[in-house]
Protein backbone atom coordinates (compact mmCIF):
# COMPACT_ATOMS: atom_id res chain seq x y z
CA MET A 1 73.71 -26.02 39.26
CA LYS A 2 72.49 -22.90 37.50
CA TYR A 3 68.84 -22.10 38.08
CA ALA A 4 66.55 -19.25 37.12
CA VAL A 5 63.56 -18.16 39.21
CA THR A 6 60.87 -16.08 37.56
CA GLY A 7 58.94 -13.96 40.01
CA GLY A 8 62.08 -14.09 42.13
CA ALA A 9 61.22 -11.01 44.18
CA GLY A 10 57.77 -12.31 45.01
CA PHE A 11 56.48 -14.21 48.03
CA ILE A 12 57.29 -17.77 47.00
CA GLY A 13 60.14 -16.90 44.64
CA SER A 14 62.14 -15.05 47.28
CA HIS A 15 61.86 -17.95 49.73
CA LEU A 16 62.88 -20.36 47.00
CA ILE A 17 65.96 -18.31 46.14
CA ARG A 18 67.15 -18.32 49.75
CA SER A 19 66.90 -22.11 49.90
CA LEU A 20 68.65 -22.57 46.56
CA LEU A 21 71.49 -20.27 47.63
CA ALA A 22 71.84 -22.27 50.85
CA GLU A 23 72.42 -25.35 48.68
CA GLY A 24 75.17 -23.55 46.75
CA HIS A 25 73.43 -23.02 43.42
CA ALA A 26 73.98 -20.08 41.07
CA ILE A 27 70.75 -18.13 40.69
CA THR A 28 69.31 -15.75 38.13
CA ALA A 29 66.11 -14.03 39.27
CA ILE A 30 63.70 -12.39 36.85
CA ASP A 31 60.97 -10.08 38.14
CA ASN A 32 59.26 -7.00 36.73
CA LEU A 33 58.54 -5.78 40.30
CA ASN A 34 54.87 -5.37 39.51
CA THR A 35 53.97 -7.11 42.75
CA GLY A 36 57.41 -8.40 43.81
CA LYS A 37 59.63 -6.34 46.09
CA LEU A 38 63.41 -6.20 46.19
CA GLU A 39 63.26 -6.08 49.98
CA ASN A 40 61.78 -9.60 49.90
CA LEU A 41 65.21 -10.81 48.79
CA GLY A 42 67.09 -9.18 51.66
CA ASP A 43 70.81 -9.86 51.48
CA SER A 44 70.19 -12.51 48.79
CA ILE A 45 70.13 -9.70 46.25
CA ASP A 46 73.94 -9.43 46.47
CA LYS A 47 74.39 -13.14 45.80
CA ILE A 48 72.30 -13.52 42.67
CA ASN A 49 72.01 -12.15 39.15
CA PHE A 50 68.84 -10.07 39.38
CA ILE A 51 67.15 -8.99 36.16
CA GLN A 52 64.24 -6.59 36.22
CA GLY A 53 62.16 -7.72 33.30
CA ASP A 54 58.92 -9.23 32.09
CA ILE A 55 58.28 -12.85 31.10
CA ARG A 56 56.50 -11.52 27.99
CA ASP A 57 59.87 -10.19 26.77
CA THR A 58 61.11 -13.09 24.66
CA LYS A 59 64.55 -11.60 23.94
CA LEU A 60 65.17 -10.97 27.64
CA LEU A 61 64.19 -14.55 28.43
CA MET A 62 66.37 -15.95 25.67
CA ASP A 63 69.40 -14.03 26.89
CA SER A 64 68.73 -14.94 30.55
CA LEU A 65 67.88 -18.63 30.22
CA ARG A 66 70.30 -19.81 27.57
CA ASN A 67 72.71 -21.53 29.98
CA VAL A 68 70.55 -22.59 32.92
CA ASP A 69 69.94 -26.15 34.11
CA GLY A 70 66.40 -25.48 35.24
CA VAL A 71 63.75 -22.81 35.65
CA PHE A 72 61.44 -22.38 38.62
CA HIS A 73 58.56 -20.45 37.07
CA GLU A 74 56.73 -18.51 39.79
CA ALA A 75 55.90 -15.29 37.92
CA ALA A 76 52.18 -14.67 37.40
CA LEU A 77 49.34 -12.29 38.00
CA ALA A 78 47.47 -13.97 40.82
CA SER A 79 44.49 -11.94 42.07
CA VAL A 80 41.21 -13.78 41.50
CA GLN A 81 39.14 -10.61 41.86
CA GLU A 82 41.37 -8.52 39.59
CA SER A 83 41.31 -11.21 36.93
CA PHE A 84 37.65 -10.49 36.19
CA SER A 85 38.42 -6.94 35.07
CA LYS A 86 41.81 -7.71 33.49
CA ALA A 87 41.17 -11.05 31.83
CA GLN A 88 43.21 -10.26 28.70
CA GLU A 89 46.23 -9.08 30.68
CA TYR A 90 46.05 -12.18 32.87
CA ASN A 91 46.02 -14.34 29.76
CA ASP A 92 48.94 -12.45 28.21
CA VAL A 93 51.12 -12.76 31.32
CA ASN A 94 50.11 -16.12 32.74
CA VAL A 95 49.60 -18.05 29.53
CA GLY A 96 51.74 -16.17 27.02
CA GLY A 97 54.61 -15.78 29.49
CA THR A 98 54.50 -19.46 30.42
CA GLU A 99 54.59 -20.51 26.78
CA ASN A 100 57.65 -18.31 26.26
CA ILE A 101 59.46 -20.29 28.94
CA LEU A 102 58.31 -23.68 27.66
CA ARG A 103 59.37 -22.76 24.13
CA LEU A 104 62.87 -21.94 25.39
CA ALA A 105 62.92 -25.12 27.49
CA LYS A 106 62.39 -27.03 24.27
CA GLU A 107 65.15 -25.08 22.53
CA PHE A 108 67.74 -25.09 25.32
CA GLY A 109 66.87 -28.35 27.09
CA PHE A 110 66.34 -27.12 30.66
CA LYS A 111 63.74 -28.53 33.05
CA VAL A 112 60.79 -26.43 34.22
CA VAL A 113 58.99 -26.60 37.55
CA TYR A 114 56.16 -24.13 37.57
CA ALA A 115 53.39 -22.81 39.80
CA SER A 116 50.01 -24.15 38.88
CA SER A 117 47.07 -23.78 41.25
CA SER A 118 44.37 -25.76 43.01
CA SER A 119 41.98 -23.23 41.47
CA VAL A 120 41.97 -25.36 38.30
CA TYR A 121 39.55 -27.71 40.10
CA GLY A 122 36.96 -25.01 40.85
CA ASN A 123 34.35 -26.27 43.29
CA PRO A 124 35.34 -29.94 43.55
CA ALA A 125 32.88 -32.77 43.11
CA LYS A 126 34.50 -34.68 45.98
CA ILE A 127 36.98 -34.21 48.81
CA PRO A 128 39.90 -34.73 49.07
CA ILE A 129 40.85 -33.63 45.57
CA ASN A 130 42.93 -36.00 43.44
CA GLU A 131 45.08 -34.83 40.55
CA GLY A 132 42.90 -36.67 38.04
CA ASP A 133 39.65 -35.11 39.22
CA PRO A 134 37.62 -32.86 36.86
CA LYS A 135 38.90 -29.33 36.19
CA ASN A 136 36.27 -26.60 36.35
CA PRO A 137 37.82 -23.14 36.84
CA ILE A 138 35.31 -20.53 38.01
CA ASN A 139 37.31 -17.35 37.44
CA PRO A 140 39.66 -16.00 34.73
CA TYR A 141 42.78 -16.46 36.89
CA ALA A 142 42.01 -20.15 37.34
CA GLN A 143 41.37 -20.50 33.62
CA THR A 144 44.87 -19.19 32.86
CA LYS A 145 46.32 -21.83 35.15
CA LEU A 146 44.36 -24.55 33.38
CA ASP A 147 45.48 -23.19 30.02
CA ASP A 148 49.08 -23.36 31.30
CA GLU A 149 48.55 -27.03 32.06
CA GLY A 150 47.38 -27.59 28.51
CA LEU A 151 50.62 -26.01 27.31
CA ALA A 152 52.65 -28.19 29.68
CA VAL A 153 51.02 -31.34 28.30
CA ARG A 154 51.65 -30.22 24.73
CA TYR A 155 55.29 -29.34 25.28
CA ALA A 156 55.92 -32.49 27.31
CA LYS A 157 54.85 -34.49 24.24
CA GLU A 158 57.55 -32.59 22.37
CA GLY A 159 60.21 -33.64 24.88
CA VAL A 160 60.14 -30.81 27.41
CA ARG A 161 60.63 -31.82 31.02
CA VAL A 162 57.94 -29.88 32.88
CA ILE A 163 56.28 -30.37 36.25
CA GLY A 164 53.28 -28.36 37.43
CA LEU A 165 52.74 -27.91 41.16
CA ARG A 166 49.12 -27.19 42.04
CA TYR A 167 49.53 -24.97 45.07
CA PHE A 168 46.69 -24.86 47.53
CA ASN A 169 46.62 -21.85 49.92
CA VAL A 170 50.23 -20.86 50.53
CA PHE A 171 51.02 -18.87 53.70
CA GLY A 172 54.05 -17.64 55.61
CA GLU A 173 56.40 -14.72 56.14
CA ARG A 174 56.30 -12.06 53.41
CA GLN A 175 53.05 -13.48 52.03
CA SER A 176 51.27 -11.35 49.49
CA GLN A 177 47.64 -10.32 49.40
CA THR A 178 46.95 -12.95 46.75
CA TYR A 179 48.40 -15.99 48.54
CA ALA A 180 46.35 -16.91 51.63
CA GLY A 181 45.52 -13.22 51.80
CA VAL A 182 42.82 -13.84 54.36
CA ILE A 183 45.50 -14.57 57.00
CA LYS A 184 47.21 -11.28 56.26
CA LYS A 185 43.94 -9.35 56.44
CA PHE A 186 42.77 -10.99 59.66
CA ILE A 187 46.08 -10.40 61.47
CA LYS A 188 46.24 -6.76 60.37
CA LYS A 189 42.77 -6.18 61.82
CA ALA A 190 43.47 -8.06 65.05
CA ARG A 191 46.75 -6.17 65.63
CA CYS A 192 44.66 -3.00 65.72
CA GLY A 193 42.08 -4.56 68.04
CA GLU A 194 39.53 -4.65 65.23
CA PRO A 195 37.37 -7.63 64.25
CA PRO A 196 38.38 -9.62 61.17
CA VAL A 197 35.99 -9.25 58.23
CA ILE A 198 34.85 -12.53 56.70
CA ASN A 199 33.51 -12.64 53.16
CA GLY A 200 30.44 -14.86 53.43
CA ASP A 201 29.39 -17.06 56.33
CA GLY A 202 32.89 -18.38 57.07
CA THR A 203 32.04 -22.03 56.56
CA GLN A 204 34.23 -22.17 53.46
CA THR A 205 37.32 -24.27 54.17
CA ARG A 206 40.90 -24.03 52.96
CA ASP A 207 43.95 -26.28 52.82
CA PHE A 208 46.78 -23.98 53.96
CA VAL A 209 50.35 -25.02 53.13
CA HIS A 210 53.42 -23.19 54.46
CA VAL A 211 55.80 -21.54 52.01
CA SER A 212 58.76 -23.56 53.33
CA ASP A 213 56.94 -26.76 52.38
CA VAL A 214 56.14 -25.32 48.95
CA VAL A 215 59.81 -24.46 48.44
CA GLN A 216 60.82 -27.99 49.34
CA ALA A 217 58.29 -29.40 46.87
CA ASN A 218 59.78 -27.23 44.11
CA ILE A 219 63.34 -28.34 44.82
CA LEU A 220 62.42 -32.02 45.08
CA ALA A 221 60.47 -31.79 41.81
CA MET A 222 63.43 -30.20 40.03
CA LYS A 223 65.87 -32.83 41.31
CA SER A 224 63.53 -35.76 40.73
CA SER A 225 63.65 -38.18 37.81
CA VAL A 226 60.03 -37.26 37.04
CA ASN A 227 59.93 -35.56 33.64
CA HIS A 228 56.27 -34.60 33.45
CA GLU A 229 53.49 -34.62 36.03
CA PHE A 230 51.08 -32.43 37.98
CA PHE A 231 51.15 -32.58 41.78
CA ASN A 232 48.84 -31.30 44.48
CA ILE A 233 50.85 -29.27 46.99
CA GLY A 234 48.72 -28.91 50.10
CA THR A 235 48.53 -30.67 53.44
CA GLY A 236 45.44 -32.85 53.25
CA THR A 237 43.97 -30.95 56.21
CA THR A 238 41.57 -28.03 56.34
CA ILE A 239 40.43 -25.14 58.50
CA SER A 240 37.32 -23.03 58.01
CA VAL A 241 37.66 -19.30 57.49
CA LEU A 242 35.54 -18.74 60.61
CA GLU A 243 37.78 -20.97 62.73
CA LEU A 244 40.81 -19.17 61.33
CA ALA A 245 39.39 -15.77 62.33
CA ASN A 246 38.50 -16.97 65.83
CA LEU A 247 41.93 -18.57 66.29
CA ILE A 248 43.64 -15.28 65.45
CA ILE A 249 41.31 -13.33 67.77
CA GLU A 250 42.03 -15.79 70.60
CA ALA A 251 45.79 -15.71 70.00
CA PHE A 252 45.77 -11.92 70.35
CA GLY A 253 43.72 -12.19 73.56
CA LEU A 254 40.85 -10.11 72.19
CA SER A 255 37.20 -10.19 73.24
CA ILE A 256 35.64 -9.51 69.86
CA LYS A 257 33.82 -11.46 67.18
CA PRO A 258 34.37 -11.51 63.43
CA VAL A 259 32.03 -9.53 61.22
CA HIS A 260 30.62 -10.80 57.96
CA GLY A 261 30.48 -9.22 54.52
CA PRO A 262 29.22 -10.42 51.14
CA GLU A 263 30.74 -13.45 49.44
CA LEU A 264 33.33 -12.73 46.76
CA PRO A 265 32.66 -13.78 43.17
CA GLY A 266 34.86 -16.61 41.93
CA ASP A 267 35.60 -17.84 45.45
CA VAL A 268 35.57 -21.62 45.88
CA ARG A 269 33.76 -23.14 48.86
CA ILE A 270 36.12 -25.91 49.86
CA THR A 271 39.64 -27.12 49.12
CA LYS A 272 41.44 -30.16 50.48
CA ALA A 273 44.31 -31.87 48.72
CA ASN A 274 45.08 -35.51 48.33
CA ILE A 275 48.88 -35.40 48.37
CA ASP A 276 49.64 -39.10 47.99
CA LEU A 277 51.18 -38.64 44.54
CA ALA A 278 53.70 -36.02 45.72
CA LYS A 279 54.57 -38.20 48.70
CA ARG A 280 55.14 -41.22 46.48
CA LEU A 281 56.96 -39.72 43.49
CA LEU A 282 58.75 -36.78 45.12
CA SER A 283 59.19 -38.11 48.67
CA TRP A 284 57.63 -34.82 49.79
CA GLN A 285 55.88 -34.33 53.10
CA PRO A 286 54.52 -31.02 54.51
CA LYS A 287 55.86 -30.20 57.95
CA VAL A 288 54.18 -26.96 59.10
CA GLU A 289 50.65 -26.96 60.55
CA ILE A 290 48.66 -23.73 60.22
CA ARG A 291 47.18 -23.60 63.73
CA GLN A 292 50.48 -24.21 65.50
CA TRP A 293 52.27 -21.71 63.25
CA LEU A 294 49.73 -18.95 63.84
CA ARG A 295 49.73 -19.36 67.61
CA ARG A 296 53.52 -19.29 67.66
CA VAL A 297 54.07 -16.23 65.47
CA ILE A 298 51.34 -14.25 67.20
CA ALA A 299 52.66 -15.20 70.65
CA GLU A 300 56.22 -14.25 69.69
CA ARG A 301 55.14 -11.06 67.87
CA THR A 302 58.52 -11.13 66.09
CA ASN A 303 57.51 -11.89 62.51
CA LEU A 304 54.15 -10.14 62.32
CA ASP A 305 55.57 -7.28 60.26
CA LEU A 306 56.80 -9.82 57.73
CA ILE A 307 53.24 -11.15 57.45
CA THR A 308 51.20 -7.95 57.41
CA ASP A 309 53.39 -5.43 55.56
């Protein structure tokens, strides 16, 4: 099959490309390298058609996507804090760029699997979070993701096959500052023998899902007979930020305690996914557990550069 991956040089996109190549697919990657890095692709760069370009460039997209079977849409601006000061740019890229792809999906007939976000729920009324629960974004980034979902619903009614995956906190090798960035920050501090800095009291909890599980969810969604749906992509388990910091300190064998700073604006208190729908309709099941993964990579010391660089 011929697939395109937007944001192909980014954290999730680069992992996705490696898995798609392993299955024998022909890949076109589109990335403006604003936050993506060519080195994320490694030797995959020689096996794909890489296009440096922006998803706001409609002509580039039309030329690149005309003959593909499906598009994995990962490109986005994704910093919650930055979105407050650059709300218009976030809307232009995340909403305008997504509509460009959906418009071409309608014209050319390809399927779209795209990155939504658990941030659309805001601070949830109940835990675990179900897909049908109220949406209450509390920052401009989250609002763009909810606006994308509105576009997906609209275009699905016009015949476009589009699936939105609501990622919870994605972590793993080559993770960026915006995806599960707290892990990256804590490990960088601990490697230097310094205490991790927690924003707030640390009681906020997160549902961390490994990038390999996210990749598998994308591929299963693309191959599935589901034409339109939104799925939670998490684990259904949580860890507090304080426990995370202490686990990393312990794994490095340090005798220090975390320090606390002010809470960040737009930061949700708790996330925990109900993933029954993805299990049932996509036959998807997360396999990597955050605590075991952290202890292993810190003990081995082999992949820490891939996490903290």
